[in-house]
């Protein structure tokens, strides 16, 4: 029997206005969280399911890169924001 992956309870964050630099940073942070979850799920599936998860991961990375490029967010700024979100 396959063990159930460990999940974290969802965090409640303050609302953010759409179309702002802060919303782009939130998008990048959410993509990072989603990619971590996909990695965990990927360990427990086989074959075509892994390929589909890989396709989803590629799309998520594109979304994060587009948000980063649109608002000229540096990698260091994104990492600092993610660290700050996780420490809340």
C-alpha atoms as a PDB file:
ATOM      1  CA  UNK A   1       0.000   0.000   0.000  1.00  0.00           C
ATOM      2  CA  UNK A   2       1.291   3.460  -0.877  1.00  0.00           C
ATOM      3  CA  UNK A   3       1.614   5.914   2.029  1.00  0.00           C
ATOM      4  CA  UNK A   4      -0.490   9.046   1.890  1.00  0.00           C
ATOM      5  CA  UNK A   5       1.604  12.155   1.114  1.00  0.00           C
ATOM      6  CA  UNK A   6       1.970  14.630   3.941  1.00  0.00           C
ATOM      7  CA  UNK A   7      -0.027  17.781   3.301  1.00  0.00           C
ATOM      8  CA  UNK A   8       0.036  21.140   5.021  1.00  0.00           C
ATOM      9  CA  UNK A   9      -3.050  23.039   6.058  1.00  0.00           C
ATOM     10  CA  UNK A  10      -3.780  25.991   3.754  1.00  0.00           C
ATOM     11  CA  UNK A  11      -2.484  29.365   4.859  1.00  0.00           C
ATOM     12  CA  UNK A  12      -4.795  32.308   5.134  1.00  0.00           C
ATOM     13  CA  UNK A  13      -3.106  35.332   3.639  1.00  0.00           C
ATOM     14  CA  UNK A  14      -4.359  38.857   3.336  1.00  0.00           C
ATOM     15  CA  UNK A  15      -6.169  39.768   0.087  1.00  0.00           C
ATOM     16  CA  UNK A  16      -4.075  41.245  -2.709  1.00  0.00           C
ATOM     17  CA  UNK A  17      -5.236  43.515  -5.532  1.00  0.00           C
ATOM     18  CA  UNK A  18      -5.092  41.842  -8.928  1.00  0.00           C
ATOM     19  CA  UNK A  19      -2.652  43.182 -11.490  1.00  0.00           C
ATOM     20  CA  UNK A  20      -0.089  44.479  -9.007  1.00  0.00           C
ATOM     21  CA  UNK A  21       3.522  43.647  -8.326  1.00  0.00           C
ATOM     22  CA  UNK A  22       2.454  42.033  -5.057  1.00  0.00           C
ATOM     23  CA  UNK A  23      -0.035  39.800  -6.865  1.00  0.00           C
ATOM     24  CA  UNK A  24       2.756  38.718  -9.227  1.00  0.00           C
ATOM     25  CA  UNK A  25       4.911  37.835  -6.227  1.00  0.00           C
ATOM     26  CA  UNK A  26       1.994  35.843  -4.765  1.00  0.00           C
ATOM     27  CA  UNK A  27       1.613  34.031  -8.083  1.00  0.00           C
ATOM     28  CA  UNK A  28       5.293  33.101  -8.059  1.00  0.00           C
ATOM     29  CA  UNK A  29       5.026  31.872  -4.462  1.00  0.00           C
ATOM     30  CA  UNK A  30       1.901  29.836  -5.264  1.00  0.00           C
ATOM     31  CA  UNK A  31       3.606  28.261  -8.265  1.00  0.00           C
ATOM     32  CA  UNK A  32       6.499  27.252  -6.023  1.00  0.00           C
ATOM     33  CA  UNK A  33       4.100  25.594  -3.597  1.00  0.00           C
ATOM     34  CA  UNK A  34       2.252  23.852  -6.429  1.00  0.00           C
ATOM     35  CA  UNK A  35       5.523  22.535  -7.872  1.00  0.00           C
ATOM     36  CA  UNK A  36       6.498  21.099  -4.480  1.00  0.00           C
ATOM     37  CA  UNK A  37       3.136  19.338  -4.282  1.00  0.00           C
ATOM     38  CA  UNK A  38       3.475  17.999  -7.831  1.00  0.00           C
ATOM     39  CA  UNK A  39       6.906  16.579  -6.972  1.00  0.00           C
ATOM     40  CA  UNK A  40       5.387  14.730  -4.015  1.00  0.00           C
ATOM     41  CA  UNK A  41       2.472  13.409  -6.077  1.00  0.00           C
ATOM     42  CA  UNK A  42       4.806  12.410  -8.924  1.00  0.00           C
ATOM     43  CA  UNK A  43       6.585   9.985  -6.587  1.00  0.00           C
ATOM     44  CA  UNK A  44       3.374   7.982  -6.266  1.00  0.00           C
ATOM     45  CA  UNK A  45       2.268   7.662  -9.901  1.00  0.00           C
ATOM     46  CA  UNK A  46       3.528   5.870 -12.994  1.00  0.00           C
ATOM     47  CA  UNK A  47       3.771   6.197 -16.741  1.00  0.00           C
ATOM     48  CA  UNK A  48       1.477   8.589 -18.522  1.00  0.00           C
ATOM     49  CA  UNK A  49       0.444  10.226 -15.263  1.00  0.00           C
ATOM     50  CA  UNK A  50       4.045  11.308 -14.642  1.00  0.00           C
ATOM     51  CA  UNK A  51       4.206  12.843 -18.118  1.00  0.00           C
ATOM     52  CA  UNK A  52       0.992  14.737 -17.484  1.00  0.00           C
ATOM     53  CA  UNK A  53       2.316  16.063 -14.188  1.00  0.00           C
ATOM     54  CA  UNK A  54       5.496  17.116 -15.985  1.00  0.00           C
ATOM     55  CA  UNK A  55       3.379  19.020 -18.523  1.00  0.00           C
ATOM     56  CA  UNK A  56       1.549  20.794 -15.718  1.00  0.00           C
ATOM     57  CA  UNK A  57       4.872  21.678 -14.090  1.00  0.00           C
ATOM     58  CA  UNK A  58       6.103  23.236 -17.347  1.00  0.00           C
ATOM     59  CA  UNK A  59       2.946  25.349 -17.625  1.00  0.00           C
ATOM     60  CA  UNK A  60       3.283  26.503 -14.016  1.00  0.00           C
ATOM     61  CA  UNK A  61       6.906  27.502 -14.591  1.00  0.00           C
ATOM     62  CA  UNK A  62       5.885  29.531 -17.651  1.00  0.00           C
ATOM     63  CA  UNK A  63       3.212  31.326 -15.612  1.00  0.00           C
ATOM     64  CA  UNK A  64       5.766  32.182 -12.922  1.00  0.00           C
ATOM     65  CA  UNK A  65       8.348  33.368 -15.461  1.00  0.00           C
ATOM     66  CA  UNK A  66       5.778  35.550 -17.242  1.00  0.00           C
ATOM     67  CA  UNK A  67       4.718  37.148 -13.956  1.00  0.00           C
ATOM     68  CA  UNK A  68       8.360  37.702 -13.067  1.00  0.00           C
ATOM     69  CA  UNK A  69       9.175  39.250 -16.438  1.00  0.00           C
ATOM     70  CA  UNK A  70       6.051  41.442 -16.554  1.00  0.00           C
ATOM     71  CA  UNK A  71       6.857  43.124 -13.241  1.00  0.00           C
ATOM     72  CA  UNK A  72      10.671  42.958 -13.517  1.00  0.00           C
ATOM     73  CA  UNK A  73      10.965  40.884 -10.354  1.00  0.00           C
ATOM     74  CA  UNK A  74      14.453  39.623  -9.589  1.00  0.00           C
ATOM     75  CA  UNK A  75      15.090  36.061  -8.419  1.00  0.00           C
ATOM     76  CA  UNK A  76      16.359  37.354  -5.071  1.00  0.00           C
ATOM     77  CA  UNK A  77      13.231  39.456  -4.563  1.00  0.00           C
ATOM     78  CA  UNK A  78      11.006  36.467  -5.327  1.00  0.00           C
ATOM     79  CA  UNK A  79      12.955  34.199  -2.954  1.00  0.00           C
ATOM     80  CA  UNK A  80      12.758  36.807  -0.176  1.00  0.00           C
ATOM     81  CA  UNK A  81       8.989  37.126  -0.669  1.00  0.00           C
ATOM     82  CA  UNK A  82       8.544  33.346  -0.558  1.00  0.00           C
ATOM     83  CA  UNK A  83      10.623  33.096   2.623  1.00  0.00           C
ATOM     84  CA  UNK A  84       8.538  35.884   4.165  1.00  0.00           C
ATOM     85  CA  UNK A  85       5.269  34.121   3.222  1.00  0.00           C
ATOM     86  CA  UNK A  86       6.418  30.828   4.676  1.00  0.00           C
ATOM     87  CA  UNK A  87       7.483  32.419   7.945  1.00  0.00           C
ATOM     88  CA  UNK A  88       3.971  33.822   8.578  1.00  0.00           C
END
